[in-house]
C-alpha atoms as a PDB file:
ATOM      1  CA  MET A   1       0.093  -0.167  -0.197  1.00  0.00           C
ATOM      2  CA  THR A   2       1.355   3.387  -1.204  1.00  0.00           C
ATOM      3  CA  SER A   3       0.822   6.655   0.421  1.00  0.00           C
ATOM      4  CA  ALA A   4      -0.025   9.908  -1.281  1.00  0.00           C
ATOM      5  CA  ALA A   5       2.045  10.638  -4.164  1.00  0.00           C
ATOM      6  CA  ARG A   6       5.302  12.811  -3.468  1.00  0.00           C
ATOM      7  CA  ALA A   7       4.552  15.865  -5.434  1.00  0.00           C
ATOM      8  CA  PRO A   8       7.232  18.002  -7.109  1.00  0.00           C
ATOM      9  CA  ALA A   9       8.514  20.490  -4.809  1.00  0.00           C
ATOM     10  CA  VAL A  10      10.312  22.750  -7.173  1.00  0.00           C
ATOM     11  CA  ALA A  11       8.802  22.431 -10.454  1.00  0.00           C
ATOM     12  CA  GLY A  12       8.617  25.935 -11.986  1.00  0.00           C
ATOM     13  CA  ARG A  13      11.450  27.065  -9.925  1.00  0.00           C
ATOM     14  CA  PHE A  14      14.577  25.299 -10.606  1.00  0.00           C
ATOM     15  CA  TYR A  15      13.251  23.512 -13.964  1.00  0.00           C
ATOM     16  CA  PRO A  16      10.589  24.164 -16.175  1.00  0.00           C
ATOM     17  CA  ARG A  17       6.970  22.997 -14.814  1.00  0.00           C
ATOM     18  CA  ARG A  18       5.572  22.263 -18.422  1.00  0.00           C
ATOM     19  CA  ALA A  19       6.712  19.057 -19.888  1.00  0.00           C
ATOM     20  CA  ASP A  20       7.629  20.233 -23.227  1.00  0.00           C
ATOM     21  CA  GLU A  21       9.874  23.056 -21.865  1.00  0.00           C
ATOM     22  CA  LEU A  22      11.306  20.718 -19.332  1.00  0.00           C
ATOM     23  CA  VAL A  23      12.523  17.795 -21.946  1.00  0.00           C
ATOM     24  CA  ARG A  24      13.899  20.570 -24.494  1.00  0.00           C
ATOM     25  CA  ASP A  25      15.835  21.815 -21.673  1.00  0.00           C
ATOM     26  CA  ILE A  26      17.047  18.309 -20.714  1.00  0.00           C
ATOM     27  CA  HIS A  27      18.253  17.788 -24.598  1.00  0.00           C
ATOM     28  CA  LYS A  28      20.036  21.006 -24.691  1.00  0.00           C
ATOM     29  CA  TYR A  29      22.017  19.985 -21.265  1.00  0.00           C
ATOM     30  CA  MET A  30      22.475  16.188 -22.091  1.00  0.00           C
ATOM     31  CA  PRO A  31      24.017  15.258 -25.539  1.00  0.00           C
ATOM     32  CA  ASP A  32      22.333  12.144 -27.022  1.00  0.00           C
ATOM     33  CA  ASP A  33      25.538  10.427 -27.950  1.00  0.00           C
ATOM     34  CA  GLU A  34      25.696   6.675 -27.305  1.00  0.00           C
ATOM     35  CA  SER A  35      28.795   6.017 -28.089  1.00  0.00           C
ATOM     36  CA  LEU A  36      29.950   8.463 -24.794  1.00  0.00           C
ATOM     37  CA  ARG A  37      28.706   6.070 -22.437  1.00  0.00           C
ATOM     38  CA  ILE A  38      30.266   3.909 -19.901  1.00  0.00           C
ATOM     39  CA  ALA A  39      28.518   1.606 -17.135  1.00  0.00           C
ATOM     40  CA  ALA A  40      29.683   3.879 -14.187  1.00  0.00           C
ATOM     41  CA  ILE A  41      29.428   2.745 -10.245  1.00  0.00           C
ATOM     42  CA  GLY A  42      28.777   5.958  -8.904  1.00  0.00           C
ATOM     43  CA  CYS A  43      28.573   9.814  -9.604  1.00  0.00           C
ATOM     44  CA  ILE A  44      28.375  13.199  -8.125  1.00  0.00           C
ATOM     45  CA  ALA A  45      25.926  15.710  -9.872  1.00  0.00           C
ATOM     46  CA  PRO A  46      24.742  19.319  -8.712  1.00  0.00           C
ATOM     47  CA  HIS A  47      21.297  20.076  -7.796  1.00  0.00           C
ATOM     48  CA  ALA A  48      21.178  23.845  -8.394  1.00  0.00           C
ATOM     49  CA  GLY A  49      18.313  25.587 -10.600  1.00  0.00           C
ATOM     50  CA  TYR A  50      18.903  23.921 -14.241  1.00  0.00           C
ATOM     51  CA  MET A  51      20.131  27.571 -15.693  1.00  0.00           C
ATOM     52  CA  PHE A  52      23.099  27.431 -13.511  1.00  0.00           C
ATOM     53  CA  SER A  53      23.656  23.779 -12.775  1.00  0.00           C
ATOM     54  CA  GLY A  54      22.132  22.024 -15.062  1.00  0.00           C
ATOM     55  CA  HIS A  55      25.017  22.058 -18.008  1.00  0.00           C
ATOM     56  CA  VAL A  56      27.033  20.014 -15.437  1.00  0.00           C
ATOM     57  CA  ALA A  57      24.664  17.825 -14.767  1.00  0.00           C
ATOM     58  CA  GLY A  58      23.837  17.192 -18.230  1.00  0.00           C
ATOM     59  CA  ALA A  59      27.436  16.594 -18.982  1.00  0.00           C
ATOM     60  CA  VAL A  60      27.698  13.542 -16.261  1.00  0.00           C
ATOM     61  CA  TYR A  61      24.202  11.892 -17.329  1.00  0.00           C
ATOM     62  CA  SER A  62      25.232  12.180 -20.939  1.00  0.00           C
ATOM     63  CA  ARG A  63      28.432   9.991 -20.057  1.00  0.00           C
ATOM     64  CA  LEU A  64      26.454   7.304 -18.256  1.00  0.00           C
ATOM     65  CA  GLN A  65      24.860   4.004 -19.049  1.00  0.00           C
ATOM     66  CA  ILE A  66      21.546   4.702 -16.946  1.00  0.00           C
ATOM     67  CA  PRO A  67      20.360   1.422 -15.490  1.00  0.00           C
ATOM     68  CA  LYS A  68      16.689   0.746 -14.205  1.00  0.00           C
ATOM     69  CA  HIS A  69      17.693   1.165 -10.980  1.00  0.00           C
ATOM     70  CA  CYS A  70      19.508   3.657  -9.148  1.00  0.00           C
ATOM     71  CA  VAL A  71      20.095   4.915  -5.420  1.00  0.00           C
ATOM     72  CA  ILE A  72      20.184   8.823  -5.103  1.00  0.00           C
ATOM     73  CA  LEU A  73      21.839  10.218  -2.221  1.00  0.00           C
ATOM     74  CA  CYS A  74      21.388  13.795  -1.106  1.00  0.00           C
ATOM     75  CA  PRO A  75      21.862  16.589   1.783  1.00  0.00           C
ATOM     76  CA  ASN A  76      19.014  17.708   3.926  1.00  0.00           C
ATOM     77  CA  HIS A  77      18.998  21.596   3.069  1.00  0.00           C
ATOM     78  CA  THR A  78      15.277  21.573   5.301  1.00  0.00           C
ATOM     79  CA  GLY A  79      16.413  20.145   8.611  1.00  0.00           C
ATOM     80  CA  VAL A  80      12.896  18.004   8.639  1.00  0.00           C
ATOM     81  CA  GLY A  81      12.821  14.758   9.274  1.00  0.00           C
ATOM     82  CA  VAL A  82      15.140  12.290  10.486  1.00  0.00           C
ATOM     83  CA  PRO A  83      18.881  12.373  10.007  1.00  0.00           C
ATOM     84  CA  LEU A  84      18.748   9.216   7.513  1.00  0.00           C
ATOM     85  CA  ALA A  85      15.784   8.586   5.696  1.00  0.00           C
ATOM     86  CA  THR A  86      14.442   6.617   2.436  1.00  0.00           C
ATOM     87  CA  MET A  87      10.810   7.806   1.168  1.00  0.00           C
ATOM     88  CA  THR A  88       9.717   4.695  -0.572  1.00  0.00           C
ATOM     89  CA  SER A  89       5.733   4.095   0.045  1.00  0.00           C
ATOM     90  CA  ALA A  90       4.784   6.901  -2.244  1.00  0.00           C
ATOM     91  CA  VAL A  91       4.996   7.337  -5.924  1.00  0.00           C
ATOM     92  CA  TRP A  92       7.343  10.105  -7.130  1.00  0.00           C
ATOM     93  CA  GLN A  93       5.537  12.818  -9.640  1.00  0.00           C
ATOM     94  CA  THR A  94       7.525  14.743 -11.978  1.00  0.00           C
ATOM     95  CA  PRO A  95       6.394  16.640 -15.303  1.00  0.00           C
ATOM     96  CA  LEU A  96       7.520  14.155 -17.108  1.00  0.00           C
ATOM     97  CA  GLY A  97       5.583  11.178 -15.061  1.00  0.00           C
ATOM     98  CA  ASN A  98       5.238   9.303 -12.260  1.00  0.00           C
ATOM     99  CA  LEU A  99       8.545   6.883 -11.108  1.00  0.00           C
ATOM    100  CA  THR A 100       7.652   4.434  -8.485  1.00  0.00           C
ATOM    101  CA  PRO A 101      10.590   3.902  -5.651  1.00  0.00           C
ATOM    102  CA  ASP A 102      12.400   0.579  -5.301  1.00  0.00           C
ATOM    103  CA  ALA A 103      10.885  -0.371  -2.240  1.00  0.00           C
ATOM    104  CA  GLU A 104      12.832  -4.000  -1.902  1.00  0.00           C
ATOM    105  CA  LEU A 105      16.331  -2.551  -2.260  1.00  0.00           C
ATOM    106  CA  ALA A 106      15.265  -0.130   0.334  1.00  0.00           C
ATOM    107  CA  ALA A 107      14.088  -2.459   2.633  1.00  0.00           C
ATOM    108  CA  GLU A 108      17.076  -4.511   2.324  1.00  0.00           C
ATOM    109  CA  LEU A 109      19.218  -1.716   3.034  1.00  0.00           C
ATOM    110  CA  ARG A 110      17.539  -0.741   5.975  1.00  0.00           C
ATOM    111  CA  GLN A 111      17.730  -4.115   7.335  1.00  0.00           C
ATOM    112  CA  ARG A 112      21.737  -3.584   6.699  1.00  0.00           C
ATOM    113  CA  PHE A 113      21.502  -0.401   8.790  1.00  0.00           C
ATOM    114  CA  ALA A 114      19.042   0.229  11.355  1.00  0.00           C
ATOM    115  CA  ALA A 115      19.627   3.768  11.526  1.00  0.00           C
ATOM    116  CA  LEU A 116      18.336   4.645   7.969  1.00  0.00           C
ATOM    117  CA  ALA A 117      14.238   4.980   8.398  1.00  0.00           C
ATOM    118  CA  GLU A 118      11.310   5.392   6.132  1.00  0.00           C
ATOM    119  CA  ASP A 119      10.618   8.824   6.987  1.00  0.00           C
ATOM    120  CA  GLY A 120       8.609  10.826   3.933  1.00  0.00           C
ATOM    121  CA  THR A 121       8.584  14.062   5.900  1.00  0.00           C
ATOM    122  CA  ALA A 122      12.367  14.469   5.241  1.00  0.00           C
ATOM    123  CA  HIS A 123      12.096  14.387   1.488  1.00  0.00           C
ATOM    124  CA  ARG A 124       8.537  16.376   0.847  1.00  0.00           C
ATOM    125  CA  SER A 125      10.232  19.560   0.560  1.00  0.00           C
ATOM    126  CA  GLU A 126      13.768  18.762  -0.370  1.00  0.00           C
ATOM    127  CA  HIS A 127      14.643  19.445  -4.002  1.00  0.00           C
ATOM    128  CA  ALA A 128      18.136  17.674  -4.498  1.00  0.00           C
ATOM    129  CA  ILE A 129      17.174  14.565  -5.627  1.00  0.00           C
ATOM    130  CA  GLU A 130      13.991  15.830  -7.376  1.00  0.00           C
ATOM    131  CA  VAL A 131      16.242  17.622  -9.558  1.00  0.00           C
ATOM    132  CA  GLN A 132      17.928  14.774 -10.800  1.00  0.00           C
ATOM    133  CA  LEU A 133      15.044  12.797 -12.041  1.00  0.00           C
ATOM    134  CA  PRO A 134      14.258  14.297 -15.240  1.00  0.00           C
ATOM    135  CA  PHE A 135      17.541  13.764 -16.323  1.00  0.00           C
ATOM    136  CA  LEU A 136      17.321  10.158 -15.095  1.00  0.00           C
ATOM    137  CA  GLN A 137      13.623   9.750 -16.813  1.00  0.00           C
ATOM    138  CA  ALA A 138      14.726  11.081 -20.371  1.00  0.00           C
ATOM    139  CA  ARG A 139      16.777   8.239 -20.414  1.00  0.00           C
ATOM    140  CA  HIS A 140      15.006   5.221 -18.364  1.00  0.00           C
ATOM    141  CA  ALA A 141      11.161   6.090 -18.458  1.00  0.00           C
ATOM    142  CA  ASP A 142      10.507   3.164 -15.993  1.00  0.00           C
ATOM    143  CA  LEU A 143      13.485   4.356 -13.774  1.00  0.00           C
ATOM    144  CA  SER A 144      13.051   2.723  -9.876  1.00  0.00           C
ATOM    145  CA  PHE A 145      15.115   4.248  -7.516  1.00  0.00           C
ATOM    146  CA  VAL A 146      16.018   4.382  -3.803  1.00  0.00           C
ATOM    147  CA  PRO A 147      16.117   7.956  -2.228  1.00  0.00           C
ATOM    148  CA  ILE A 148      18.092   8.955   0.664  1.00  0.00           C
ATOM    149  CA  VAL A 149      18.378  11.897   2.483  1.00  0.00           C
ATOM    150  CA  VAL A 150      21.484  12.196   4.434  1.00  0.00           C
ATOM    151  CA  GLY A 151      21.675  14.672   7.343  1.00  0.00           C
ATOM    152  CA  THR A 152      24.494  13.821   9.286  1.00  0.00           C
ATOM    153  CA  SER A 153      28.163  14.885   9.157  1.00  0.00           C
ATOM    154  CA  ASN A 154      29.574  11.860  11.512  1.00  0.00           C
ATOM    155  CA  PHE A 155      32.100  10.460   9.218  1.00  0.00           C
ATOM    156  CA  GLU A 156      31.761   6.809  10.978  1.00  0.00           C
ATOM    157  CA  VAL A 157      28.051   6.966  10.119  1.00  0.00           C
ATOM    158  CA  LEU A 158      28.416   7.954   6.861  1.00  0.00           C
ATOM    159  CA  GLN A 159      30.886   5.153   6.280  1.00  0.00           C
ATOM    160  CA  LYS A 160      28.685   2.347   7.952  1.00  0.00           C
ATOM    161  CA  LEU A 161      25.904   3.364   5.518  1.00  0.00           C
ATOM    162  CA  GLY A 162      28.432   3.339   2.343  1.00  0.00           C
ATOM    163  CA  GLU A 163      29.469  -0.185   3.600  1.00  0.00           C
ATOM    164  CA  ALA A 164      25.651  -1.121   3.975  1.00  0.00           C
ATOM    165  CA  LEU A 165      24.792   0.033   0.646  1.00  0.00           C
ATOM    166  CA  ALA A 166      27.324  -1.880  -1.021  1.00  0.00           C
ATOM    167  CA  GLY A 167      26.271  -4.812   0.728  1.00  0.00           C
ATOM    168  CA  ALA A 168      22.818  -4.445  -0.627  1.00  0.00           C
ATOM    169  CA  ILE A 169      23.741  -3.634  -3.783  1.00  0.00           C
ATOM    170  CA  SER A 170      25.738  -6.453  -4.080  1.00  0.00           C
ATOM    171  CA  THR A 171      22.301  -8.694  -3.571  1.00  0.00           C
ATOM    172  CA  GLN A 172      20.831  -7.496  -6.808  1.00  0.00           C
ATOM    173  CA  PRO A 173      20.363  -9.060  -9.883  1.00  0.00           C
ATOM    174  CA  GLU A 174      20.566  -6.220 -12.040  1.00  0.00           C
ATOM    175  CA  LYS A 175      22.999  -3.088 -12.191  1.00  0.00           C
ATOM    176  CA  VAL A 176      22.460  -0.293  -9.848  1.00  0.00           C
ATOM    177  CA  LEU A 177      23.799   3.255 -10.188  1.00  0.00           C
ATOM    178  CA  ILE A 178      24.785   5.308  -6.962  1.00  0.00           C
ATOM    179  CA  ILE A 179      24.508   9.060  -7.445  1.00  0.00           C
ATOM    180  CA  ALA A 180      25.313  11.586  -4.732  1.00  0.00           C
ATOM    181  CA  SER A 181      23.325  14.789  -5.208  1.00  0.00           C
ATOM    182  CA  SER A 182      25.700  17.877  -4.321  1.00  0.00           C
ATOM    183  CA  ASP A 183      26.751  21.367  -5.179  1.00  0.00           C
ATOM    184  CA  MET A 184      30.232  22.081  -4.115  1.00  0.00           C
ATOM    185  CA  ASN A 185      31.746  25.229  -2.264  1.00  0.00           C
ATOM    186  CA  HIS A 186      28.934  28.101  -1.446  1.00  0.00           C
ATOM    187  CA  TYR A 187      28.778  32.090  -1.486  1.00  0.00           C
ATOM    188  CA  GLU A 188      32.267  32.478  -1.630  1.00  0.00           C
ATOM    189  CA  SER A 189      34.428  34.659  -4.332  1.00  0.00           C
ATOM    190  CA  ASP A 190      34.937  32.740  -7.561  1.00  0.00           C
ATOM    191  CA  ALA A 191      38.604  32.284  -6.961  1.00  0.00           C
ATOM    192  CA  ILE A 192      38.293  31.010  -3.267  1.00  0.00           C
ATOM    193  CA  THR A 193      35.588  28.729  -4.428  1.00  0.00           C
ATOM    194  CA  ARG A 194      37.470  27.108  -7.296  1.00  0.00           C
ATOM    195  CA  VAL A 195      40.710  26.332  -4.861  1.00  0.00           C
ATOM    196  CA  LYS A 196      38.601  24.785  -2.064  1.00  0.00           C
ATOM    197  CA  ASP A 197      36.345  23.051  -4.649  1.00  0.00           C
ATOM    198  CA  HIS A 198      39.384  21.568  -6.322  1.00  0.00           C
ATOM    199  CA  LYS A 199      40.944  20.316  -2.988  1.00  0.00           C
ATOM    200  CA  ALA A 200      37.826  18.493  -2.323  1.00  0.00           C
ATOM    201  CA  ILE A 201      37.548  16.706  -6.063  1.00  0.00           C
ATOM    202  CA  ALA A 202      41.166  15.688  -5.755  1.00  0.00           C
ATOM    203  CA  ARG A 203      40.218  13.712  -3.125  1.00  0.00           C
ATOM    204  CA  VAL A 204      37.042  12.238  -4.691  1.00  0.00           C
ATOM    205  CA  LEU A 205      39.346  11.800  -7.713  1.00  0.00           C
ATOM    206  CA  ALA A 206      41.578   9.765  -5.202  1.00  0.00           C
ATOM    207  CA  LEU A 207      38.431   7.400  -4.145  1.00  0.00           C
ATOM    208  CA  ASP A 208      39.428   9.063  -0.963  1.00  0.00           C
ATOM    209  CA  ALA A 209      36.428   8.982   1.169  1.00  0.00           C
ATOM    210  CA  ARG A 210      37.980  10.154   4.640  1.00  0.00           C
ATOM    211  CA  GLY A 211      40.143  12.539   2.964  1.00  0.00           C
ATOM    212  CA  LEU A 212      37.423  14.089   1.234  1.00  0.00           C
ATOM    213  CA  TRP A 213      35.786  14.587   5.272  1.00  0.00           C
ATOM    214  CA  GLU A 214      38.796  15.845   6.408  1.00  0.00           C
ATOM    215  CA  VAL A 215      39.291  18.507   3.491  1.00  0.00           C
ATOM    216  CA  VAL A 216      35.724  19.452   3.988  1.00  0.00           C
ATOM    217  CA  MET A 217      36.025  19.926   7.674  1.00  0.00           C
ATOM    218  CA  ASN A 218      39.685  21.154   7.980  1.00  0.00           C
ATOM    219  CA  ASP A 219      39.403  23.585   4.783  1.00  0.00           C
ATOM    220  CA  ASP A 220      35.703  24.920   5.504  1.00  0.00           C
ATOM    221  CA  VAL A 221      34.593  23.746   2.124  1.00  0.00           C
ATOM    222  CA  SER A 222      30.482  24.682   2.503  1.00  0.00           C
ATOM    223  CA  MET A 223      29.993  21.481  -0.089  1.00  0.00           C
ATOM    224  CA  CYS A 224      26.286  20.378   1.057  1.00  0.00           C
ATOM    225  CA  GLY A 225      26.315  16.906  -0.245  1.00  0.00           C
ATOM    226  CA  PHE A 226      29.710  15.834   1.213  1.00  0.00           C
ATOM    227  CA  GLY A 227      27.824  13.088   3.096  1.00  0.00           C
ATOM    228  CA  PRO A 228      26.277  11.842   0.047  1.00  0.00           C
ATOM    229  CA  ALA A 229      29.722  11.922  -1.728  1.00  0.00           C
ATOM    230  CA  ILE A 230      31.235   9.814   1.133  1.00  0.00           C
ATOM    231  CA  VAL A 231      28.463   7.440   1.135  1.00  0.00           C
ATOM    232  CA  MET A 232      29.065   6.953  -2.476  1.00  0.00           C
ATOM    233  CA  LEU A 233      32.749   6.434  -2.392  1.00  0.00           C
ATOM    234  CA  THR A 234      32.542   4.005   0.093  1.00  0.00           C
ATOM    235  CA  ALA A 235      30.055   1.797  -1.401  1.00  0.00           C
ATOM    236  CA  ALA A 236      31.828   2.313  -4.847  1.00  0.00           C
ATOM    237  CA  GLN A 237      35.050   1.106  -3.634  1.00  0.00           C
ATOM    238  CA  ARG A 238      33.484  -1.933  -2.213  1.00  0.00           C
ATOM    239  CA  LEU A 239      31.836  -2.690  -5.320  1.00  0.00           C
ATOM    240  CA  GLY A 240      35.331  -2.673  -7.181  1.00  0.00           C
ATOM    241  CA  ALA A 241      36.057   0.909  -8.516  1.00  0.00           C
ATOM    242  CA  THR A 242      39.082   1.748  -9.201  1.00  0.00           C
ATOM    243  CA  SER A 243      38.974   5.047 -10.894  1.00  0.00           C
ATOM    244  CA  ALA A 244      37.398   8.510 -10.756  1.00  0.00           C
ATOM    245  CA  GLU A 245      37.000  11.203 -13.813  1.00  0.00           C
ATOM    246  CA  LEU A 246      36.039  14.729 -13.311  1.00  0.00           C
ATOM    247  CA  VAL A 247      33.379  15.665 -16.394  1.00  0.00           C
ATOM    248  CA  LYS A 248      32.655  19.174 -15.922  1.00  0.00           C
ATOM    249  CA  TYR A 249      33.380  21.898 -13.368  1.00  0.00           C
ATOM    250  CA  ALA A 250      31.853  25.378 -13.118  1.00  0.00           C
ATOM    251  CA  THR A 251      30.415  27.981 -10.838  1.00  0.00           C
ATOM    252  CA  SER A 252      27.318  30.021 -10.940  1.00  0.00           C
ATOM    253  CA  GLY A 253      29.368  33.271 -11.946  1.00  0.00           C
ATOM    254  CA  ASP A 254      30.091  31.317 -15.260  1.00  0.00           C
ATOM    255  CA  ILE A 255      26.396  31.893 -16.198  1.00  0.00           C
ATOM    256  CA  SER A 256      25.472  35.288 -13.734  1.00  0.00           C
ATOM    257  CA  GLY A 257      28.797  37.013 -14.194  1.00  0.00           C
ATOM    258  CA  ASP A 258      29.143  37.479 -10.478  1.00  0.00           C
ATOM    259  CA  ARG A 259      32.281  36.321  -9.271  1.00  0.00           C
ATOM    260  CA  ASP A 260      31.857  37.874  -6.011  1.00  0.00           C
ATOM    261  CA  GLN A 261      29.515  35.282  -4.231  1.00  0.00           C
ATOM    262  CA  VAL A 262      29.215  32.159  -6.268  1.00  0.00           C
ATOM    263  CA  VAL A 263      28.530  28.197  -5.749  1.00  0.00           C
ATOM    264  CA  GLY A 264      30.501  25.741  -7.300  1.00  0.00           C
ATOM    265  CA  TYR A 265      29.339  22.626  -9.217  1.00  0.00           C
ATOM    266  CA  ALA A 266      31.246  19.587 -10.166  1.00  0.00           C
ATOM    267  CA  GLY A 267      30.394  16.895 -12.435  1.00  0.00           C
ATOM    268  CA  ILE A 268      32.326  13.210 -11.544  1.00  0.00           C
ATOM    269  CA  ILE A 269      32.080   9.574 -12.602  1.00  0.00           C
ATOM    270  CA  VAL A 270      33.400   6.681 -10.209  1.00  0.00           C
ATOM    271  CA  LYS A 271      34.107   3.847 -12.450  1.00  0.00           C
END
């Protein structure tokens, strides 16, 4: 039995509400070239409004073979709900149609990691998973996914969730892609943001989850989704990841022209 549908929280603000306009934007940001696509284990993609970060997210998704099953991790921007939450009891609505969460994989994961709970309140107003979905739908209309809000910065908890995620995915008969939804440094100058971001990106490219946590904490990098990224990296390593690639990096200043206060965006593939 499913509960009331999870309605879009930011359609018409972060991305177009009309399906035809949304499809047009996605195709603009995500070149349809099958020769580019690889079967990755995980990725990091930004979650700002499409005007600012859609070109980075699209660059990532254009490089990926999108399987039917995904796990999408994001930070908790709203502060609502339990610290670690899935929402699989409701269909997720987007302008491109409804998506059904993967309740079976989510249940397997919750069984392996008791701190993860089913809590729709953590998800209903959170935008960071929602903005990924149209990109994924454009490539896999019957996508099934596990949404996970990550509202803790405790490294040991993040590491254990990543280990449990790897274990749960290893039981699945089909490929599962792990997506960490994250923007990078927030609201400092373009010059400072690029320096801070590339310190964090270097740790991701080294598949160094602990190193990413230390850079974020010690160098004051306001990367909102570092927790999801640490979970993804931990899981990916245990699933056999050997390398990572920075597909595209930009800041909001590249679009707005304002270099005084920017947000950084990195698109990274883990394979």
